[in-house]
Amino acid sequence: MSPVAELALPGLQREDDDSGALADLVSVLVSSGDLFYEWDIAADGLSWVGHTQRTIGIADVRNIVSGTAFLQRIHPEDLPRRMVALSQHIDGSEIFDVEYRLRGDDGQFTWIRERAVAAVGSDGNALRLTGIVRDISEQKNTAEEVDFLTNHDALTGHYNRLRLREALKQSVKATLRDKQPGGFLLLGLDKLNIVADVYGDDTADAIVLEVAQRIEKALRSGDIVGRVGFDRFAIILNNCSDEQIGAVADRFLATIRDAAVSTVHGPMYVTASIGATIFPTLARNVRDVVGQADNALRSARRLGCDCFLEFRDIPEQNIPARPDLIIAEQVKQALRDDRIVLAYQPIVSSRDGEPTFYEALVRMIDENGEPVPAGTFVPVVEQMGLMRLVDRRVLDLGIAMLKAHPDISLSINVSGMTAVDPVWLRQLHEHLELHPDVALRLVLEITETVALDDIADASRFVRAVSEFGCRVALDDFGAGYTSFRHLRGLNVDLVKIDGSFVRDLPTNEDNQLFVKTLIQLAKGIGLETVAEWVETEEEAELLRGEGIDYLQGWHFGKPEIEPPWAQ
């Protein structure tokens, strides 16, 4: 039988002049894509007019020639609604107009709208049902899409800002009612705007989509994620304590950083920063929760990439400038490939010229196996906000070397962003807690200019690491013109005189006077002194005459990746 059923509707066969007009009306409806039917309820016979294949996806009308067969194709969730609507219509209380899903030959469901009129006998029982079926899938899909986009992000499918705030509102209410803490994470992809500027929006979208999928896989049961900005996701952590939130955040950071994102421009490694707060302990309404997490994220980004901070501990730092993406990507890859290493330069005693300790200077080994000087990539790393990652690797390498060789002492550099990073301090404490001997052989160097940017933060850093047993050196002393009051307030152990004042020292009287003043200033408050960039014996002799304690420079040894004690 053809998908287009013949016009054979007993209920439409009339003996009057209106039969032709009615048949014409049915033809018009059928030509518009509707199906016309009559169901003989007593005999359970169902007759159709129209193209069943096109409208409801059923090729052979003989598969739906009974009401029973047709009802078996209605979606189980929708069948009760249709039965209730029909019962109410037969009782005379409602018009029969219902929407539901109908299964086609391919097993897929089509949304249809059915409208019909029942003929009722004198006994009140329905004799037949005559009606029209129309495919409304397109309208339904459009409505569902509008509804979806009202509450979801078009790219990732996660909740949008509006829907996420509503979910957060409900979570805050639940924590107040049930007295169970919750957490809120605001996750920002590091430097995504620069990626978009350099490589285009499509590449940025590919990164966002991949990160969204990774976040979703890392969610705990009951957690909720939404995309709330170009480079931002928000995550609601239900039933999450202050002790748990750090571990949860670290899991998100790890799942984002650990594998490259495939793009048309090649694989790119991505990092994120997270700001967090706990509710209702620290915030009791949506505005405060979001505001605290936003402040924490902004501060985390000042510390660098791949960083997590809670609202309760927000250091202040200037936002870094625009970086060179190519070098930054090379550094990221080098970190993953374990190609970030240390080069060791001796710092000798001015009395006997013997090494007292070594400065561990960061180097990157390029893909050809050649060392890359720090000056080539560190400025970019600082601008990009990656210095925290590099400092973490330097710390791990330095501590490992000290543990392996108990007869040596090392100094390592700490960047400004790391000096105010409580996460890095916790990492240092974990390293030293069971190895106090290592702390006594470790010197941490911060630059004078960084210290002067925020004396209070620098003082807190010095105080914290001193409690661990480490010594602190003020690097590039003289470059920032530290006052006597500032120098006393910092409570450092050593000062390293900036090399620019040592260069050409024998012929530059101004430098001679300035170096003499710096040494006297340091000695006046009991600090040991180191002179950097010493390249000649003449320079060394002048410095010894002024009372310098230690000397460092190529005259006494170049930085070497293979240290003398390991040879």
Protein backbone atom coordinates (compact mmCIF):
# COMPACT_ATOMS: atom_id res chain seq x y z
CA MET A 1 0.00 0.00 0.00
CA SER A 2 1.25 3.47 -0.86
CA PRO A 3 2.39 5.78 1.99
CA VAL A 4 -0.40 8.04 0.77
CA ALA A 5 -3.54 6.40 2.10
CA GLU A 6 -6.71 6.57 0.07
CA LEU A 7 -9.62 8.77 1.05
CA ALA A 8 -11.74 6.09 2.64
CA LEU A 9 -13.15 7.59 5.78
CA PRO A 10 -16.56 6.23 6.65
CA GLY A 11 -17.22 9.07 9.02
CA LEU A 12 -16.86 11.51 6.15
CA GLN A 13 -19.20 9.81 3.75
CA ARG A 14 -22.32 11.94 3.74
CA GLU A 15 -25.42 11.74 1.61
CA ASP A 16 -25.77 15.50 1.38
CA ASP A 17 -24.19 18.18 -0.84
CA ASP A 18 -21.51 19.09 1.71
CA SER A 19 -19.53 15.89 1.15
CA GLY A 20 -17.62 17.30 -1.81
CA ALA A 21 -16.61 20.44 0.06
CA LEU A 22 -15.46 18.38 3.03
CA ALA A 23 -13.36 16.14 0.80
CA ASP A 24 -11.78 19.24 -0.74
CA LEU A 25 -10.92 20.53 2.73
CA VAL A 26 -9.26 17.23 3.62
CA SER A 27 -7.23 17.37 0.40
CA VAL A 28 -5.99 20.84 1.25
CA LEU A 29 -4.92 19.70 4.71
CA VAL A 30 -3.17 16.62 3.32
CA SER A 31 -1.32 18.68 0.70
CA SER A 32 0.04 20.90 3.49
CA GLY A 33 1.65 17.86 5.11
CA ASP A 34 -1.01 16.92 7.64
CA LEU A 35 -2.45 13.45 8.11
CA PHE A 36 -6.19 12.94 8.33
CA TYR A 37 -7.57 9.92 10.19
CA GLU A 38 -10.70 8.28 11.49
CA TRP A 39 -10.63 5.73 14.27
CA ASP A 40 -13.55 3.33 14.62
CA ILE A 41 -13.21 2.79 18.33
CA ALA A 42 -15.52 -0.23 18.64
CA ALA A 43 -13.83 -2.14 15.82
CA ASP A 44 -10.41 -0.62 16.55
CA GLY A 45 -10.00 0.22 12.88
CA LEU A 46 -7.87 3.17 11.90
CA SER A 47 -8.08 4.76 8.43
CA TRP A 48 -5.59 7.34 7.16
CA VAL A 49 -5.40 9.98 4.47
CA GLY A 50 -2.03 11.57 3.75
CA HIS A 51 1.67 10.79 3.40
CA THR A 52 2.54 8.80 6.54
CA GLN A 53 6.19 8.36 5.55
CA ARG A 54 6.78 12.09 5.25
CA THR A 55 4.79 13.18 8.27
CA ILE A 56 5.39 10.50 10.93
CA GLY A 57 8.14 8.32 9.42
CA ILE A 58 5.98 5.22 8.84
CA ALA A 59 6.28 3.91 5.27
CA ASP A 60 3.55 1.26 5.26
CA VAL A 61 0.20 2.48 6.55
CA ARG A 62 -0.81 -1.14 7.22
CA ASN A 63 1.45 -0.97 10.31
CA ILE A 64 -0.96 1.50 11.93
CA VAL A 65 -4.41 0.33 10.80
CA SER A 66 -5.52 -0.24 14.39
CA GLY A 67 -5.68 2.05 17.35
CA THR A 68 -3.74 -0.48 19.39
CA ALA A 69 -0.85 -0.52 16.91
CA PHE A 70 -0.77 3.27 16.80
CA LEU A 71 -0.79 3.65 20.59
CA GLN A 72 2.17 1.26 20.87
CA ARG A 73 4.26 3.76 18.92
CA ILE A 74 3.62 6.67 21.31
CA HIS A 75 6.49 7.43 23.65
CA PRO A 76 5.82 5.76 27.03
CA GLU A 77 6.30 9.06 28.86
CA ASP A 78 3.68 10.77 26.67
CA LEU A 79 1.03 8.02 26.38
CA PRO A 80 -0.66 8.70 29.76
CA ARG A 81 -1.03 12.39 28.86
CA ARG A 82 -2.76 11.51 25.57
CA MET A 83 -5.10 9.03 27.29
CA VAL A 84 -6.11 11.58 29.92
CA ALA A 85 -6.71 14.25 27.27
CA LEU A 86 -8.89 11.87 25.24
CA SER A 87 -10.89 10.81 28.28
CA GLN A 88 -11.55 14.43 29.23
CA HIS A 89 -12.62 15.20 25.66
CA ILE A 90 -15.08 12.30 25.55
CA ASP A 91 -16.54 13.44 28.86
CA GLY A 92 -17.17 16.78 27.16
CA SER A 93 -14.94 18.84 29.42
CA GLU A 94 -11.97 19.53 27.16
CA ILE A 95 -11.04 19.96 23.49
CA PHE A 96 -8.79 17.13 22.31
CA ASP A 97 -5.55 18.89 21.36
CA VAL A 98 -2.36 17.15 22.50
CA GLU A 99 1.34 16.99 21.65
CA TYR A 100 3.48 13.87 22.01
CA ARG A 101 6.32 11.85 20.51
CA LEU A 102 5.63 9.06 18.00
CA ARG A 103 8.12 6.36 16.99
CA GLY A 104 8.86 5.96 13.28
CA ASP A 105 10.18 2.96 11.36
CA ASP A 106 13.79 3.95 12.15
CA GLY A 107 13.16 3.97 15.88
CA GLN A 108 13.44 7.76 16.11
CA PHE A 109 10.67 9.81 17.67
CA THR A 110 8.83 12.61 15.91
CA TRP A 111 7.00 15.33 17.78
CA ILE A 112 3.39 15.51 16.55
CA ARG A 113 0.30 17.48 17.38
CA GLU A 114 -3.02 15.66 17.29
CA ARG A 115 -6.40 17.39 17.25
CA ALA A 116 -9.63 15.46 16.97
CA VAL A 117 -13.37 15.35 17.60
CA ALA A 118 -15.12 12.30 19.05
CA ALA A 119 -18.56 11.10 17.98
CA VAL A 120 -20.45 9.89 21.04
CA GLY A 121 -23.45 7.55 21.03
CA SER A 122 -26.65 7.95 23.02
CA ASP A 123 -25.19 5.77 25.74
CA GLY A 124 -22.29 8.19 26.21
CA ASN A 125 -19.68 5.87 24.73
CA ALA A 126 -17.32 7.11 22.02
CA LEU A 127 -18.05 5.66 18.60
CA ARG A 128 -15.26 7.12 16.55
CA LEU A 129 -12.56 9.73 16.64
CA THR A 130 -11.87 11.93 13.63
CA GLY A 131 -8.79 14.10 13.60
CA ILE A 132 -5.64 15.56 12.15
CA VAL A 133 -1.98 14.74 12.92
CA ARG A 134 0.74 17.31 12.18
CA ASP A 135 4.55 17.07 12.43
CA ILE A 136 5.74 19.78 14.84
CA SER A 137 9.34 18.58 15.29
CA GLU A 138 10.82 21.74 13.80
CA GLN A 139 8.84 24.00 16.09
CA LYS A 140 9.66 21.81 19.08
CA ASN A 141 13.36 21.76 18.24
CA THR A 142 13.36 25.53 17.86
CA ALA A 143 11.56 25.98 21.16
CA GLU A 144 13.90 23.55 22.89
CA GLU A 145 16.90 25.33 21.38
CA VAL A 146 15.63 28.69 22.58
CA ASP A 147 15.00 27.24 26.02
CA PHE A 148 18.44 25.61 26.04
CA LEU A 149 20.24 28.78 25.01
CA THR A 150 18.34 30.72 27.63
CA ASN A 151 20.03 28.59 30.29
CA HIS A 152 23.17 27.21 28.65
CA ASP A 153 26.33 28.36 26.93
CA ALA A 154 26.11 27.79 23.18
CA LEU A 155 29.71 26.58 22.79
CA THR A 156 30.17 24.24 25.75
CA GLY A 157 26.60 23.28 26.65
CA HIS A 158 27.30 24.13 30.29
CA TYR A 159 25.14 26.47 32.34
CA ASN A 160 25.44 30.11 31.36
CA ARG A 161 25.96 32.95 33.82
CA LEU A 162 22.26 33.46 34.53
CA ARG A 163 21.49 29.79 35.14
CA LEU A 164 24.67 29.28 37.15
CA ARG A 165 23.76 32.15 39.48
CA GLU A 166 20.35 30.58 40.04
CA ALA A 167 21.98 27.24 40.86
CA LEU A 168 24.40 29.01 43.22
CA LYS A 169 21.49 30.74 44.92
CA GLN A 170 19.88 27.36 45.60
CA SER A 171 23.18 25.92 46.87
CA VAL A 172 23.73 28.81 49.28
CA LYS A 173 20.20 28.36 50.63
CA ALA A 174 20.81 24.64 51.06
CA THR A 175 24.04 25.19 53.01
CA LEU A 176 22.30 27.62 55.35
CA ARG A 177 19.44 25.17 55.87
CA ASP A 178 21.46 21.96 56.18
CA LYS A 179 24.55 23.50 57.80
CA GLN A 180 26.78 21.77 55.24
CA PRO A 181 29.58 23.93 53.74
CA GLY A 182 29.90 24.54 50.03
CA GLY A 183 32.65 25.86 47.81
CA PHE A 184 32.69 28.12 44.78
CA LEU A 185 35.53 28.11 42.26
CA LEU A 186 36.03 30.74 39.59
CA LEU A 187 38.40 29.27 37.01
CA GLY A 188 40.07 31.50 34.42
CA LEU A 189 42.07 30.21 31.46
CA ASP A 190 45.46 31.88 31.50
CA LYS A 191 46.13 34.35 28.64
CA LEU A 192 43.30 33.06 26.43
CA ASN A 193 42.72 36.57 25.10
CA ILE A 194 46.27 36.65 23.74
CA VAL A 195 45.78 33.27 22.09
CA ALA A 196 42.65 34.64 20.43
CA ASP A 197 44.51 37.75 19.25
CA VAL A 198 47.42 35.78 17.81
CA TYR A 199 45.75 32.61 16.51
CA GLY A 200 42.11 33.64 16.13
CA ASP A 201 38.78 33.04 17.85
CA ASP A 202 38.40 29.52 16.41
CA THR A 203 41.56 28.39 18.19
CA ALA A 204 40.41 30.01 21.42
CA ASP A 205 37.02 28.29 21.06
CA ALA A 206 38.73 24.92 20.52
CA ILE A 207 40.66 25.42 23.76
CA VAL A 208 37.54 26.47 25.68
CA LEU A 209 35.59 23.44 24.42
CA GLU A 210 38.35 20.98 25.32
CA VAL A 211 38.81 22.52 28.76
CA ALA A 212 35.05 22.38 29.33
CA GLN A 213 35.08 18.66 28.63
CA ARG A 214 38.03 18.10 30.96
CA ILE A 215 36.34 20.04 33.75
CA GLU A 216 33.16 18.01 33.31
CA LYS A 217 35.10 14.74 33.62
CA ALA A 218 36.81 15.96 36.80
CA LEU A 219 33.59 17.02 38.54
CA ARG A 220 32.52 15.22 41.68
CA SER A 221 29.01 13.83 41.84
CA GLY A 222 26.60 16.68 42.53
CA ASP A 223 28.97 19.48 41.48
CA ILE A 224 27.78 22.03 38.91
CA VAL A 225 29.80 23.82 36.23
CA GLY A 226 28.96 26.81 34.09
CA ARG A 227 30.74 29.02 31.59
CA VAL A 228 30.38 32.57 32.85
CA GLY A 229 32.70 34.52 30.56
CA PHE A 230 35.01 34.37 27.56
CA ASP A 231 37.78 32.64 29.51
CA ARG A 232 35.95 31.79 32.74
CA PHE A 233 34.17 28.82 34.24
CA ALA A 234 32.42 28.68 37.59
CA ILE A 235 32.09 25.50 39.61
CA ILE A 236 29.72 24.97 42.54
CA LEU A 237 31.06 22.41 45.00
CA ASN A 238 28.25 21.07 47.13
CA ASN A 239 29.16 19.63 50.53
CA CYS A 240 32.79 20.77 50.31
CA SER A 241 34.79 21.86 53.34
CA ASP A 242 37.66 24.32 53.55
CA GLU A 243 40.04 21.39 53.90
CA GLN A 244 38.77 19.74 50.70
CA ILE A 245 38.55 22.74 48.39
CA GLY A 246 42.30 22.94 47.73
CA ALA A 247 42.50 19.31 46.64
CA VAL A 248 39.49 19.73 44.36
CA ALA A 249 40.99 22.85 42.77
CA ASP A 250 44.34 21.10 42.25
CA ARG A 251 42.55 18.30 40.41
CA PHE A 252 40.99 20.79 37.99
CA LEU A 253 44.33 22.54 37.43
CA ALA A 254 46.06 19.23 36.79
CA THR A 255 43.49 17.92 34.31
CA ILE A 256 43.78 21.17 32.33
CA ARG A 257 47.59 21.37 32.28
CA ASP A 258 48.56 17.71 31.88
CA ALA A 259 47.74 17.21 28.18
CA ALA A 260 48.03 19.46 25.14
CA VAL A 261 44.95 20.78 23.35
CA SER A 262 44.86 19.93 19.66
CA THR A 263 44.34 22.99 17.46
CA VAL A 264 44.77 23.79 13.77
CA HIS A 265 48.01 25.52 14.76
CA GLY A 266 49.33 22.45 16.51
CA PRO A 267 49.14 21.23 20.11
CA MET A 268 48.99 23.90 22.78
CA TYR A 269 49.41 23.45 26.50
CA VAL A 270 46.93 25.36 28.59
CA THR A 271 46.91 26.40 32.23
CA ALA A 272 44.28 27.98 34.41
CA SER A 273 44.09 29.98 37.62
CA ILE A 274 41.42 29.50 40.26
CA GLY A 275 39.96 31.81 42.85
CA ALA A 276 37.80 30.24 45.53
CA THR A 277 35.67 30.91 48.54
CA ILE A 278 33.67 28.88 51.06
CA PHE A 279 30.01 29.50 51.84
CA PRO A 280 28.28 30.18 54.12
CA THR A 281 31.39 30.55 56.32
CA LEU A 282 32.84 33.51 54.38
CA ALA A 283 29.83 34.54 52.28
CA ARG A 284 26.10 34.09 52.83
CA ASN A 285 24.61 35.35 49.56
CA VAL A 286 25.31 34.99 45.85
CA ARG A 287 26.75 38.45 45.40
CA ASP A 288 29.32 37.97 48.15
CA VAL A 289 30.24 34.47 46.99
CA VAL A 290 30.85 35.59 43.40
CA GLY A 291 32.62 38.78 44.47
CA GLN A 292 35.00 36.96 46.80
CA ALA A 293 35.86 34.31 44.21
CA ASP A 294 36.42 37.01 41.59
CA ASN A 295 38.81 38.89 43.88
CA ALA A 296 40.65 35.66 44.62
CA LEU A 297 40.97 34.85 40.92
CA ARG A 298 42.34 38.29 40.11
CA SER A 299 44.95 37.91 42.83
CA ALA A 300 45.78 34.36 41.74
CA ARG A 301 46.48 35.65 38.25
CA ARG A 302 48.85 38.24 39.65
CA LEU A 303 50.81 35.39 41.17
CA GLY A 304 51.13 33.70 37.79
CA CYS A 305 49.64 30.85 35.81
CA ASP A 306 48.40 27.52 37.13
CA CYS A 307 47.68 29.09 40.52
CA PHE A 308 44.98 28.57 43.16
CA LEU A 309 44.05 31.05 45.88
CA GLU A 310 41.28 31.26 48.42
CA PHE A 311 39.64 34.56 49.20
CA ARG A 312 40.98 34.51 52.75
CA ASP A 313 44.57 34.99 51.52
CA ILE A 314 44.90 37.52 48.69
CA PRO A 315 48.31 39.12 48.11
CA GLU A 316 48.58 42.21 45.93
CA GLN A 317 50.78 42.28 42.87
CA ASN A 318 50.88 44.18 39.57
CA ILE A 319 49.45 42.41 36.55
CA PRO A 320 52.23 41.34 34.16
CA ALA A 321 52.56 42.86 30.70
CA ARG A 322 51.81 41.22 27.35
CA PRO A 323 54.16 38.26 26.68
CA ASP A 324 55.81 36.61 23.75
CA LEU A 325 53.65 33.54 23.18
CA ILE A 326 56.22 31.54 21.24
CA ILE A 327 58.86 31.63 23.99
CA ALA A 328 56.18 31.02 26.61
CA GLU A 329 55.04 27.88 24.79
CA GLN A 330 58.64 26.70 24.59
CA VAL A 331 59.04 27.14 28.34
CA LYS A 332 55.81 25.24 29.01
CA GLN A 333 57.00 22.40 26.84
CA ALA A 334 60.42 22.41 28.50
CA LEU A 335 58.72 22.12 31.90
CA ARG A 336 56.81 19.09 30.71
CA ASP A 337 59.88 17.50 29.15
CA ASP A 338 62.04 18.08 32.25
CA ARG A 339 64.29 20.41 30.23
CA ILE A 340 64.35 23.09 32.93
CA VAL A 341 67.66 22.60 34.76
CA LEU A 342 70.02 24.41 37.10
CA ALA A 343 73.47 25.82 36.39
CA TYR A 344 75.70 26.29 39.44
CA GLN A 345 78.02 29.27 39.89
CA PRO A 346 80.41 29.40 42.87
CA ILE A 347 80.26 32.18 45.44
CA VAL A 348 83.69 32.30 47.05
CA SER A 349 85.05 33.65 50.29
CA SER A 350 86.95 36.91 49.85
CA ARG A 351 89.56 35.65 52.32
CA ASP A 352 90.72 32.41 50.67
CA GLY A 353 88.85 32.24 47.34
CA GLU A 354 87.26 28.90 48.23
CA PRO A 355 83.58 28.30 47.30
CA THR A 356 81.31 28.84 50.28
CA PHE A 357 78.05 28.19 48.46
CA TYR A 358 76.71 28.11 44.89
CA GLU A 359 73.96 30.06 43.19
CA ALA A 360 71.61 27.73 41.30
CA LEU A 361 70.63 29.62 38.13
CA VAL A 362 67.76 28.44 35.98
CA ARG A 363 68.44 27.29 32.41
CA MET A 364 66.27 25.85 29.67
CA ILE A 365 67.61 23.10 27.42
CA ASP A 366 66.25 23.63 23.92
CA GLU A 367 65.03 20.83 21.65
CA ASN A 368 68.54 20.50 20.20
CA GLY A 369 70.04 19.90 23.63
CA GLU A 370 71.63 23.35 23.92
CA PRO A 371 71.28 25.44 27.11
CA VAL A 372 69.30 28.67 26.80
CA PRO A 373 70.43 31.53 29.11
CA ALA A 374 67.92 32.77 31.64
CA GLY A 375 67.98 36.26 30.15
CA THR A 376 66.42 34.88 26.96
CA PHE A 377 63.29 33.46 28.50
CA VAL A 378 62.88 34.62 32.12
CA PRO A 379 61.61 38.14 31.22
CA VAL A 380 58.97 36.58 28.99
CA VAL A 381 58.09 34.01 31.63
CA GLU A 382 57.61 36.81 34.15
CA GLN A 383 55.41 38.75 31.74
CA MET A 384 53.38 35.65 30.89
CA GLY A 385 52.79 34.85 34.53
CA LEU A 386 54.56 31.50 34.29
CA MET A 387 57.32 32.32 36.76
CA ARG A 388 55.53 30.52 39.54
CA LEU A 389 55.78 27.25 37.59
CA VAL A 390 59.47 27.82 36.91
CA ASP A 391 60.14 28.74 40.55
CA ARG A 392 58.40 25.56 41.65
CA ARG A 393 60.65 23.48 39.40
CA VAL A 394 63.76 25.35 40.56
CA LEU A 395 62.81 24.70 44.18
CA ASP A 396 62.31 20.99 43.54
CA LEU A 397 65.64 20.70 41.73
CA GLY A 398 67.53 22.71 44.35
CA ILE A 399 66.11 20.77 47.29
CA ALA A 400 66.84 17.46 45.57
CA MET A 401 70.46 18.50 45.03
CA LEU A 402 70.85 19.55 48.66
CA LYS A 403 69.43 16.27 49.88
CA ALA A 404 71.73 14.28 47.60
CA HIS A 405 74.88 16.23 48.58
CA PRO A 406 74.91 17.16 52.28
CA ASP A 407 78.25 18.99 52.00
CA ILE A 408 77.05 21.79 49.71
CA SER A 409 74.99 24.94 50.21
CA LEU A 410 72.89 26.59 47.49
CA SER A 411 71.09 29.83 46.84
CA ILE A 412 68.07 29.97 44.53
CA ASN A 413 66.17 32.93 43.17
CA VAL A 414 62.57 33.61 44.09
CA SER A 415 60.53 35.85 41.80
CA GLY A 416 58.29 38.61 43.05
CA MET A 417 55.10 36.72 42.26
CA THR A 418 56.35 33.65 44.14
CA ALA A 419 57.50 35.68 47.14
CA VAL A 420 53.84 36.49 47.88
CA ASP A 421 52.49 33.06 46.95
CA PRO A 422 51.32 31.09 50.02
CA VAL A 423 51.09 27.91 47.92
CA TRP A 424 54.83 28.07 47.15
CA LEU A 425 55.57 28.70 50.82
CA ARG A 426 53.57 25.61 51.77
CA GLN A 427 55.52 23.61 49.21
CA LEU A 428 58.80 24.85 50.70
CA HIS A 429 57.61 23.93 54.18
CA GLU A 430 56.69 20.43 53.05
CA HIS A 431 60.20 19.99 51.61
CA LEU A 432 61.96 21.20 54.75
CA GLU A 433 59.71 19.90 57.50
CA LEU A 434 61.54 16.58 57.74
CA HIS A 435 64.93 17.91 56.59
CA PRO A 436 65.97 20.84 58.81
CA ASP A 437 69.59 20.30 57.75
CA VAL A 438 68.61 21.20 54.18
CA ALA A 439 67.05 24.48 55.37
CA LEU A 440 70.33 25.50 57.00
CA ARG A 441 72.11 25.10 53.65
CA LEU A 442 69.54 26.97 51.58
CA VAL A 443 69.67 30.68 50.76
CA LEU A 444 66.63 32.27 49.06
CA GLU A 445 67.28 35.37 46.96
CA ILE A 446 64.72 38.11 46.35
CA THR A 447 65.54 41.22 44.35
CA GLU A 448 65.68 44.64 45.94
CA THR A 449 63.24 46.11 43.42
CA VAL A 450 60.68 43.43 44.22
CA ALA A 451 61.12 43.99 47.95
CA LEU A 452 60.59 47.74 47.53
CA ASP A 453 57.37 47.19 45.58
CA ASP A 454 55.74 46.00 48.79
CA ILE A 455 57.94 46.10 51.89
CA ALA A 456 55.20 44.50 54.02
CA ASP A 457 54.83 41.48 51.72
CA ALA A 458 58.60 41.10 51.43
CA SER A 459 58.98 41.22 55.19
CA ARG A 460 56.33 38.54 55.64
CA PHE A 461 58.16 36.33 53.14
CA VAL A 462 61.51 36.79 54.89
CA ARG A 463 59.96 36.09 58.26
CA ALA A 464 58.22 32.93 57.01
CA VAL A 465 61.26 31.33 55.36
CA SER A 466 63.48 32.33 58.26
CA GLU A 467 61.19 30.36 60.56
CA PHE A 468 61.84 27.34 58.34
CA GLY A 469 65.56 27.79 58.97
CA CYS A 470 66.56 29.31 55.61
CA ARG A 471 68.65 32.40 55.07
CA VAL A 472 67.54 35.21 52.77
CA ALA A 473 69.65 37.34 50.46
CA LEU A 474 68.63 40.68 48.99
CA ASP A 475 69.72 40.48 45.35
CA ASP A 476 70.67 43.43 43.11
CA PHE A 477 71.32 45.56 46.17
CA GLY A 478 71.69 49.20 45.17
CA ALA A 479 69.43 49.02 42.10
CA GLY A 480 66.42 50.12 44.13
CA TYR A 481 68.17 52.53 46.49
CA THR A 482 66.99 50.82 49.64
CA SER A 483 66.98 53.08 52.66
CA PHE A 484 68.63 52.18 55.96
CA ARG A 485 65.17 51.88 57.54
CA HIS A 486 63.94 49.50 54.80
CA LEU A 487 67.05 47.36 55.02
CA ARG A 488 66.63 46.94 58.76
CA GLY A 489 62.91 46.18 58.37
CA LEU A 490 63.48 43.37 55.87
CA ASN A 491 65.65 41.36 58.28
CA VAL A 492 67.59 39.62 55.50
CA ASP A 493 70.89 37.84 56.13
CA LEU A 494 72.95 38.86 53.11
CA VAL A 495 72.96 41.55 50.47
CA LYS A 496 74.26 41.01 46.94
CA ILE A 497 75.58 44.21 45.42
CA ASP A 498 74.21 44.79 41.94
CA GLY A 499 76.76 43.85 39.28
CA SER A 500 76.27 47.09 37.36
CA PHE A 501 78.23 48.88 40.12
CA VAL A 502 81.04 46.29 40.08
CA ARG A 503 81.67 46.42 36.34
CA ASP A 504 84.56 48.76 35.50
CA LEU A 505 85.05 49.36 39.21
CA PRO A 506 88.81 50.17 38.94
CA THR A 507 88.17 53.05 36.53
CA ASN A 508 84.84 54.36 37.79
CA GLU A 509 85.21 56.50 40.90
CA ASP A 510 81.46 56.99 41.29
CA ASN A 511 80.95 53.25 41.43
CA GLN A 512 83.81 52.91 43.89
CA LEU A 513 82.15 55.42 46.22
CA PHE A 514 78.75 53.83 45.82
CA VAL A 515 80.00 50.28 46.46
CA LYS A 516 81.89 51.47 49.54
CA THR A 517 78.72 53.10 50.86
CA LEU A 518 76.64 49.98 50.25
CA ILE A 519 79.14 47.74 52.03
CA GLN A 520 79.31 50.10 55.00
CA LEU A 521 75.51 50.32 55.14
CA ALA A 522 75.16 46.52 55.18
CA LYS A 523 77.92 45.98 57.73
CA GLY A 524 76.39 48.68 59.93
CA ILE A 525 73.43 46.40 60.64
CA GLY A 526 75.37 43.15 60.67
CA LEU A 527 74.68 41.85 57.16
CA GLU A 528 77.12 39.84 55.07
CA THR A 529 77.86 41.13 51.56
CA VAL A 530 78.33 39.52 48.15
CA ALA A 531 79.67 41.30 45.06
CA GLU A 532 78.29 40.07 41.71
CA TRP A 533 79.76 40.21 38.20
CA VAL A 534 83.38 40.09 39.34
CA GLU A 535 85.35 39.44 36.14
CA THR A 536 88.93 40.49 36.97
CA GLU A 537 91.40 40.11 39.81
CA GLU A 538 91.73 43.89 39.97
CA GLU A 539 88.02 44.22 40.70
CA ALA A 540 88.27 41.47 43.30
CA GLU A 541 91.18 43.16 45.03
CA LEU A 542 89.36 46.48 45.30
CA LEU A 543 86.33 44.75 46.78
CA ARG A 544 88.42 42.87 49.32
CA GLY A 545 89.91 46.19 50.36
CA GLU A 546 86.45 47.57 51.07
CA GLY A 547 85.61 44.60 53.28
CA ILE A 548 83.38 42.50 50.98
CA ASP A 549 82.62 39.05 52.40
CA TYR A 550 81.96 37.02 49.23
CA LEU A 551 82.73 37.30 45.51
CA GLN A 552 80.81 35.96 42.54
CA GLY A 553 81.51 36.24 38.84
CA TRP A 554 83.22 34.62 35.86
CA HIS A 555 86.62 35.37 37.38
CA PHE A 556 85.87 32.64 39.93
CA GLY A 557 83.75 30.34 37.80
CA LYS A 558 81.05 30.30 35.12
CA PRO A 559 77.65 28.75 35.78
CA GLU A 560 77.92 25.04 34.98
CA ILE A 561 75.06 22.60 34.53
CA GLU A 562 77.38 19.79 35.60
CA PRO A 563 78.50 20.86 39.12
CA PRO A 564 82.03 20.07 40.33
CA TRP A 565 80.81 17.84 43.18
CA ALA A 566 78.96 15.60 40.71
CA GLN A 567 81.92 15.11 38.37
